[in-house]
Every structure is written in C-alpha cells, then in structure tokens.
PDB file of N, CA and C in Angstrom:
ATOM      1  N   MET A   1      16.430  43.743 -53.729  1.00  0.00           N
ATOM      2  CA  MET A   1      16.030  42.632 -54.573  1.00  0.00           C
ATOM      3  C   MET A   1      14.684  42.071 -54.091  1.00  0.00           C
ATOM      4  N   THR A   2      13.758  41.938 -54.927  1.00  0.00           N
ATOM      5  CA  THR A   2      12.453  41.448 -54.600  1.00  0.00           C
ATOM      6  C   THR A   2      12.456  39.848 -54.599  1.00  0.00           C
ATOM      7  N   LYS A   3      11.832  39.251 -53.610  1.00  0.00           N
ATOM      8  CA  LYS A   3      11.842  37.836 -53.543  1.00  0.00           C
ATOM      9  C   LYS A   3      10.546  37.454 -54.433  1.00  0.00           C
ATOM     10  N   LYS A   4      10.796  36.518 -55.371  1.00  0.00           N
ATOM     11  CA  LYS A   4       9.901  36.072 -56.289  1.00  0.00           C
ATOM     12  C   LYS A   4       8.989  35.031 -55.596  1.00  0.00           C
ATOM     13  N   THR A   5       7.741  35.065 -55.960  1.00  0.00           N
ATOM     14  CA  THR A   5       6.745  34.057 -55.350  1.00  0.00           C
ATOM     15  C   THR A   5       6.806  32.793 -56.176  1.00  0.00           C
ATOM     16  N   LEU A   6       7.073  31.687 -55.475  1.00  0.00           N
ATOM     17  CA  LEU A   6       7.211  30.475 -56.096  1.00  0.00           C
ATOM     18  C   LEU A   6       5.808  29.877 -56.481  1.00  0.00           C
ATOM     19  N   LYS A   7       5.775  29.358 -57.697  1.00  0.00           N
ATOM     20  CA  LYS A   7       4.681  28.745 -58.266  1.00  0.00           C
ATOM     21  C   LYS A   7       4.685  27.237 -58.208  1.00  0.00           C
ATOM     22  N   TYR A   8       3.477  26.618 -58.065  1.00  0.00           N
ATOM     23  CA  TYR A   8       3.432  25.284 -57.850  1.00  0.00           C
ATOM     24  C   TYR A   8       4.147  24.520 -58.956  1.00  0.00           C
ATOM     25  N   SER A   9       4.061  24.917 -60.267  1.00  0.00           N
ATOM     26  CA  SER A   9       4.670  24.322 -61.359  1.00  0.00           C
ATOM     27  C   SER A   9       6.173  24.455 -61.350  1.00  0.00           C
ATOM     28  N   GLU A  10       6.622  25.457 -60.876  1.00  0.00           N
ATOM     29  CA  GLU A  10       8.034  25.868 -60.764  1.00  0.00           C
ATOM     30  C   GLU A  10       8.589  24.914 -59.605  1.00  0.00           C
ATOM     31  N   ALA A  11       7.963  24.613 -58.632  1.00  0.00           N
ATOM     32  CA  ALA A  11       8.327  23.895 -57.512  1.00  0.00           C
ATOM     33  C   ALA A  11       8.504  22.327 -58.018  1.00  0.00           C
ATOM     34  N   ILE A  12       7.405  21.912 -58.765  1.00  0.00           N
ATOM     35  CA  ILE A  12       7.491  20.576 -59.298  1.00  0.00           C
ATOM     36  C   ILE A  12       8.672  20.361 -60.189  1.00  0.00           C
ATOM     37  N   SER A  13       8.897  21.366 -61.104  1.00  0.00           N
ATOM     38  CA  SER A  13      10.053  21.300 -61.975  1.00  0.00           C
ATOM     39  C   SER A  13      11.283  21.238 -61.258  1.00  0.00           C
ATOM     40  N   GLU A  14      11.434  21.938 -60.213  1.00  0.00           N
ATOM     41  CA  GLU A  14      12.803  21.972 -59.474  1.00  0.00           C
ATOM     42  C   GLU A  14      12.808  20.701 -58.720  1.00  0.00           C
ATOM     43  N   ILE A  15      11.821  20.034 -58.180  1.00  0.00           N
ATOM     44  CA  ILE A  15      11.974  18.730 -57.639  1.00  0.00           C
ATOM     45  C   ILE A  15      12.313  17.689 -58.579  1.00  0.00           C
ATOM     46  N   GLU A  16      11.697  17.688 -59.844  1.00  0.00           N
ATOM     47  CA  GLU A  16      12.131  16.829 -60.953  1.00  0.00           C
ATOM     48  C   GLU A  16      13.625  16.996 -61.267  1.00  0.00           C
ATOM     49  N   GLU A  17      14.004  18.183 -61.323  1.00  0.00           N
ATOM     50  CA  GLU A  17      15.510  18.463 -61.732  1.00  0.00           C
ATOM     51  C   GLU A  17      16.410  17.899 -60.584  1.00  0.00           C
ATOM     52  N   ILE A  18      16.083  17.981 -59.303  1.00  0.00           N
ATOM     53  CA  ILE A  18      16.909  17.567 -58.324  1.00  0.00           C
ATOM     54  C   ILE A  18      16.866  16.077 -58.313  1.00  0.00           C
ATOM     55  N   VAL A  19      15.705  15.407 -58.441  1.00  0.00           N
ATOM     56  CA  VAL A  19      15.655  13.825 -58.527  1.00  0.00           C
ATOM     57  C   VAL A  19      16.435  13.424 -59.697  1.00  0.00           C
ATOM     58  N   ALA A  20      16.407  13.988 -60.886  1.00  0.00           N
ATOM     59  CA  ALA A  20      17.241  13.639 -61.994  1.00  0.00           C
ATOM     60  C   ALA A  20      18.793  13.730 -61.678  1.00  0.00           C
ATOM     61  N   GLN A  21      19.220  14.679 -60.865  1.00  0.00           N
ATOM     62  CA  GLN A  21      20.527  14.868 -60.532  1.00  0.00           C
ATOM     63  C   GLN A  21      20.891  13.767 -59.481  1.00  0.00           C
ATOM     64  N   ILE A  22      19.987  13.489 -58.695  1.00  0.00           N
ATOM     65  CA  ILE A  22      20.330  12.373 -57.700  1.00  0.00           C
ATOM     66  C   ILE A  22      20.404  11.127 -58.338  1.00  0.00           C
ATOM     67  N   GLU A  23      19.498  10.795 -59.247  1.00  0.00           N
ATOM     68  CA  GLU A  23      19.511   9.501 -59.985  1.00  0.00           C
ATOM     69  C   GLU A  23      20.661   9.331 -60.921  1.00  0.00           C
ATOM     70  N   SER A  24      21.228  10.404 -61.424  1.00  0.00           N
ATOM     71  CA  SER A  24      22.463  10.237 -62.252  1.00  0.00           C
ATOM     72  C   SER A  24      23.721  10.405 -61.483  1.00  0.00           C
ATOM     73  N   ASN A  25      23.566  10.446 -60.161  1.00  0.00           N
ATOM     74  CA  ASN A  25      24.892  10.567 -59.488  1.00  0.00           C
ATOM     75  C   ASN A  25      25.685  11.720 -59.633  1.00  0.00           C
ATOM     76  N   GLU A  26      25.027  12.933 -59.994  1.00  0.00           N
ATOM     77  CA  GLU A  26      25.673  14.147 -60.342  1.00  0.00           C
ATOM     78  C   GLU A  26      26.137  14.918 -59.102  1.00  0.00           C
ATOM     79  N   LEU A  27      25.607  14.518 -57.941  1.00  0.00           N
ATOM     80  CA  LEU A  27      25.781  15.223 -56.769  1.00  0.00           C
ATOM     81  C   LEU A  27      26.817  14.661 -55.741  1.00  0.00           C
ATOM     82  N   ASP A  28      27.667  15.422 -55.183  1.00  0.00           N
ATOM     83  CA  ASP A  28      28.585  14.909 -54.076  1.00  0.00           C
ATOM     84  C   ASP A  28      27.828  14.791 -52.804  1.00  0.00           C
ATOM     85  N   VAL A  29      28.333  14.268 -51.733  1.00  0.00           N
ATOM     86  CA  VAL A  29      27.627  14.086 -50.454  1.00  0.00           C
ATOM     87  C   VAL A  29      27.135  15.359 -49.828  1.00  0.00           C
ATOM     88  N   ASP A  30      28.061  16.355 -49.961  1.00  0.00           N
ATOM     89  CA  ASP A  30      27.709  17.688 -49.293  1.00  0.00           C
ATOM     90  C   ASP A  30      26.429  18.312 -50.079  1.00  0.00           C
ATOM     91  N   GLU A  31      26.566  18.303 -51.392  1.00  0.00           N
ATOM     92  CA  GLU A  31      25.366  18.819 -52.285  1.00  0.00           C
ATOM     93  C   GLU A  31      24.125  17.933 -51.980  1.00  0.00           C
ATOM     94  N   LEU A  32      24.375  16.785 -51.808  1.00  0.00           N
ATOM     95  CA  LEU A  32      23.191  15.742 -51.661  1.00  0.00           C
ATOM     96  C   LEU A  32      22.348  16.304 -50.495  1.00  0.00           C
ATOM     97  N   THR A  33      23.044  16.565 -49.234  1.00  0.00           N
ATOM     98  CA  THR A  33      22.194  16.923 -48.105  1.00  0.00           C
ATOM     99  C   THR A  33      21.438  18.196 -48.374  1.00  0.00           C
ATOM    100  N   VAL A  34      22.043  19.121 -49.025  1.00  0.00           N
ATOM    101  CA  VAL A  34      21.377  20.469 -49.331  1.00  0.00           C
ATOM    102  C   VAL A  34      20.253  20.186 -50.193  1.00  0.00           C
ATOM    103  N   LYS A  35      20.394  19.392 -51.295  1.00  0.00           N
ATOM    104  CA  LYS A  35      19.365  19.155 -52.315  1.00  0.00           C
ATOM    105  C   LYS A  35      18.181  18.320 -51.663  1.00  0.00           C
ATOM    106  N   ILE A  36      18.429  17.453 -50.752  1.00  0.00           N
ATOM    107  CA  ILE A  36      17.355  16.682 -50.210  1.00  0.00           C
ATOM    108  C   ILE A  36      16.596  17.531 -49.227  1.00  0.00           C
ATOM    109  N   LYS A  37      17.276  18.497 -48.605  1.00  0.00           N
ATOM    110  CA  LYS A  37      16.467  19.468 -47.728  1.00  0.00           C
ATOM    111  C   LYS A  37      15.612  20.361 -48.630  1.00  0.00           C
ATOM    112  N   ARG A  38      16.174  20.793 -49.729  1.00  0.00           N
ATOM    113  CA  ARG A  38      15.341  21.717 -50.569  1.00  0.00           C
ATOM    114  C   ARG A  38      14.166  20.924 -51.220  1.00  0.00           C
ATOM    115  N   VAL A  39      14.330  19.522 -51.589  1.00  0.00           N
ATOM    116  CA  VAL A  39      13.237  18.823 -51.953  1.00  0.00           C
ATOM    117  C   VAL A  39      12.144  18.644 -50.894  1.00  0.00           C
ATOM    118  N   SER A  40      12.631  18.429 -49.667  1.00  0.00           N
ATOM    119  CA  SER A  40      11.596  18.435 -48.561  1.00  0.00           C
ATOM    120  C   SER A  40      10.941  19.727 -48.409  1.00  0.00           C
ATOM    121  N   ASP A  41      11.635  20.844 -48.560  1.00  0.00           N
ATOM    122  CA  ASP A  41      10.880  22.170 -48.438  1.00  0.00           C
ATOM    123  C   ASP A  41       9.909  22.345 -49.633  1.00  0.00           C
ATOM    124  N   LEU A  42      10.340  21.933 -50.680  1.00  0.00           N
ATOM    125  CA  LEU A  42       9.451  22.103 -51.984  1.00  0.00           C
ATOM    126  C   LEU A  42       8.175  21.252 -51.792  1.00  0.00           C
ATOM    127  N   ILE A  43       8.365  19.995 -51.422  1.00  0.00           N
ATOM    128  CA  ILE A  43       7.285  19.119 -51.217  1.00  0.00           C
ATOM    129  C   ILE A  43       6.276  19.674 -50.142  1.00  0.00           C
ATOM    130  N   LYS A  44       6.686  20.234 -49.025  1.00  0.00           N
ATOM    131  CA  LYS A  44       5.903  20.897 -48.008  1.00  0.00           C
ATOM    132  C   LYS A  44       5.143  22.030 -48.690  1.00  0.00           C
ATOM    133  N   PHE A  45       5.761  22.817 -49.517  1.00  0.00           N
ATOM    134  CA  PHE A  45       5.188  23.961 -50.212  1.00  0.00           C
ATOM    135  C   PHE A  45       4.011  23.456 -51.115  1.00  0.00           C
ATOM    136  N   CYS A  46       4.275  22.369 -51.902  1.00  0.00           N
ATOM    137  CA  CYS A  46       3.274  21.789 -52.794  1.00  0.00           C
ATOM    138  C   CYS A  46       2.151  21.273 -52.110  1.00  0.00           C
ATOM    139  N   ARG A  47       2.346  20.677 -50.921  1.00  0.00           N
ATOM    140  CA  ARG A  47       1.292  20.076 -50.226  1.00  0.00           C
ATOM    141  C   ARG A  47       0.378  21.211 -49.748  1.00  0.00           C
ATOM    142  N   ALA A  48       1.059  22.235 -49.137  1.00  0.00           N
ATOM    143  CA  ALA A  48       0.277  23.473 -48.597  1.00  0.00           C
ATOM    144  C   ALA A  48      -0.532  24.107 -49.758  1.00  0.00           C
ATOM    145  N   LYS A  49       0.089  24.239 -50.827  1.00  0.00           N
ATOM    146  CA  LYS A  49      -0.574  24.901 -52.023  1.00  0.00           C
ATOM    147  C   LYS A  49      -1.797  24.178 -52.497  1.00  0.00           C
ATOM    148  N   LEU A  50      -1.527  22.799 -52.552  1.00  0.00           N
ATOM    149  CA  LEU A  50      -2.824  21.908 -52.907  1.00  0.00           C
ATOM    150  C   LEU A  50      -3.891  21.983 -51.921  1.00  0.00           C
ATOM    151  N   ARG A  51      -3.484  21.921 -50.631  1.00  0.00           N
ATOM    152  CA  ARG A  51      -4.518  22.063 -49.535  1.00  0.00           C
ATOM    153  C   ARG A  51      -5.257  23.463 -49.599  1.00  0.00           C
ATOM    154  N   ASN A  52      -4.524  24.490 -49.727  1.00  0.00           N
ATOM    155  CA  ASN A  52      -5.152  25.823 -49.880  1.00  0.00           C
ATOM    156  C   ASN A  52      -6.060  25.855 -51.183  1.00  0.00           C
ATOM    157  N   THR A  53      -5.610  25.331 -52.259  1.00  0.00           N
ATOM    158  CA  THR A  53      -6.385  25.384 -53.463  1.00  0.00           C
ATOM    159  C   THR A  53      -7.630  24.602 -53.260  1.00  0.00           C
ATOM    160  N   GLU A  54      -7.573  23.445 -52.803  1.00  0.00           N
ATOM    161  CA  GLU A  54      -8.778  22.656 -52.457  1.00  0.00           C
ATOM    162  C   GLU A  54      -9.778  23.264 -51.547  1.00  0.00           C
ATOM    163  N   GLU A  55      -9.239  23.953 -50.462  1.00  0.00           N
ATOM    164  CA  GLU A  55     -10.229  24.736 -49.549  1.00  0.00           C
ATOM    165  C   GLU A  55     -10.857  25.899 -50.352  1.00  0.00           C
ATOM    166  N   GLU A  56     -10.074  26.595 -51.208  1.00  0.00           N
ATOM    167  CA  GLU A  56     -10.728  27.628 -51.992  1.00  0.00           C
ATOM    168  C   GLU A  56     -11.779  27.180 -52.893  1.00  0.00           C
ATOM    169  N   VAL A  57     -11.433  26.011 -53.525  1.00  0.00           N
ATOM    170  CA  VAL A  57     -12.432  25.435 -54.606  1.00  0.00           C
ATOM    171  C   VAL A  57     -13.661  25.037 -53.743  1.00  0.00           C
ATOM    172  N   GLN A  58     -13.573  24.388 -52.707  1.00  0.00           N
ATOM    173  CA  GLN A  58     -14.719  24.013 -51.912  1.00  0.00           C
ATOM    174  C   GLN A  58     -15.434  25.233 -51.414  1.00  0.00           C
ATOM    175  N   LYS A  59     -14.813  26.161 -51.083  1.00  0.00           N
ATOM    176  CA  LYS A  59     -15.583  27.369 -50.553  1.00  0.00           C
ATOM    177  C   LYS A  59     -16.415  28.060 -51.802  1.00  0.00           C
ATOM    178  N   ILE A  60     -15.672  28.174 -52.980  1.00  0.00           N
ATOM    179  CA  ILE A  60     -16.391  28.696 -54.016  1.00  0.00           C
ATOM    180  C   ILE A  60     -17.492  27.827 -54.489  1.00  0.00           C
ATOM    181  N   MET A  61     -17.359  26.578 -54.528  1.00  0.00           N
ATOM    182  CA  MET A  61     -18.489  25.612 -54.792  1.00  0.00           C
ATOM    183  C   MET A  61     -19.567  25.790 -53.868  1.00  0.00           C
ATOM    184  N   SER A  62     -19.279  25.929 -52.448  1.00  0.00           N
ATOM    185  CA  SER A  62     -20.320  26.092 -51.601  1.00  0.00           C
ATOM    186  C   SER A  62     -21.040  27.383 -51.686  1.00  0.00           C
ATOM    187  N   ASP A  63     -20.306  28.522 -51.890  1.00  0.00           N
ATOM    188  CA  ASP A  63     -21.000  29.716 -52.220  1.00  0.00           C
ATOM    189  C   ASP A  63     -21.919  29.604 -53.525  1.00  0.00           C
ATOM    190  N   PHE A  64     -21.351  28.926 -54.503  1.00  0.00           N
ATOM    191  CA  PHE A  64     -22.127  28.741 -55.757  1.00  0.00           C
ATOM    192  C   PHE A  64     -23.450  28.015 -55.490  1.00  0.00           C
ATOM    193  N   ASN A  65     -23.328  26.972 -54.741  1.00  0.00           N
ATOM    194  CA  ASN A  65     -24.555  26.101 -54.340  1.00  0.00           C
ATOM    195  C   ASN A  65     -25.599  26.844 -53.623  1.00  0.00           C
ATOM    196  N   GLU A  66     -25.086  27.942 -52.681  1.00  0.00           N
ATOM    197  CA  GLU A  66     -26.108  28.533 -51.965  1.00  0.00           C
ATOM    198  C   GLU A  66     -26.860  29.530 -52.743  1.00  0.00           C
ATOM    199  N   GLU A  67     -26.427  29.954 -53.973  1.00  0.00           N
ATOM    200  CA  GLU A  67     -27.112  30.880 -54.842  1.00  0.00           C
ATOM    201  C   GLU A  67     -28.401  30.322 -55.490  1.00  0.00           C
TER     202      GLU A  67
END
C-alpha cells in the first residue's frame, strides 16, 4: 500500500472537520485525545508547508530579479 502525500488543502479540511466534531461534542474523551494530537500534527505540517513555500517563492523571485 502506497502512502499518499498529504496536501495543504487536505490538512486544512481535516483540521476543520475535527474542530467541528469537537465543537459539537461528538467525541468521547478517548477520541478527543487522539484527535487533538492529530490536529497538532496537521498544524505542524501546515506551518512547515507554508515556510517551505515562502522560501521557494523568495528564491524564485531572487533568481528572477537577478536576470
């Protein structure tokens, strides 16, 4: 089984889905801990993705300005 690469938009959607579950009290205490950990991991992923994208854009712009 191949592991699918997570996309930024998918991570945001999953975060929104989990937040909605938490806000509607759909989760029991055991699930809540797992979901909070997942949201934490997703937020870290999104931050890293944004940082990497910003660095790539800055490099492209720098290369463009040198031409």
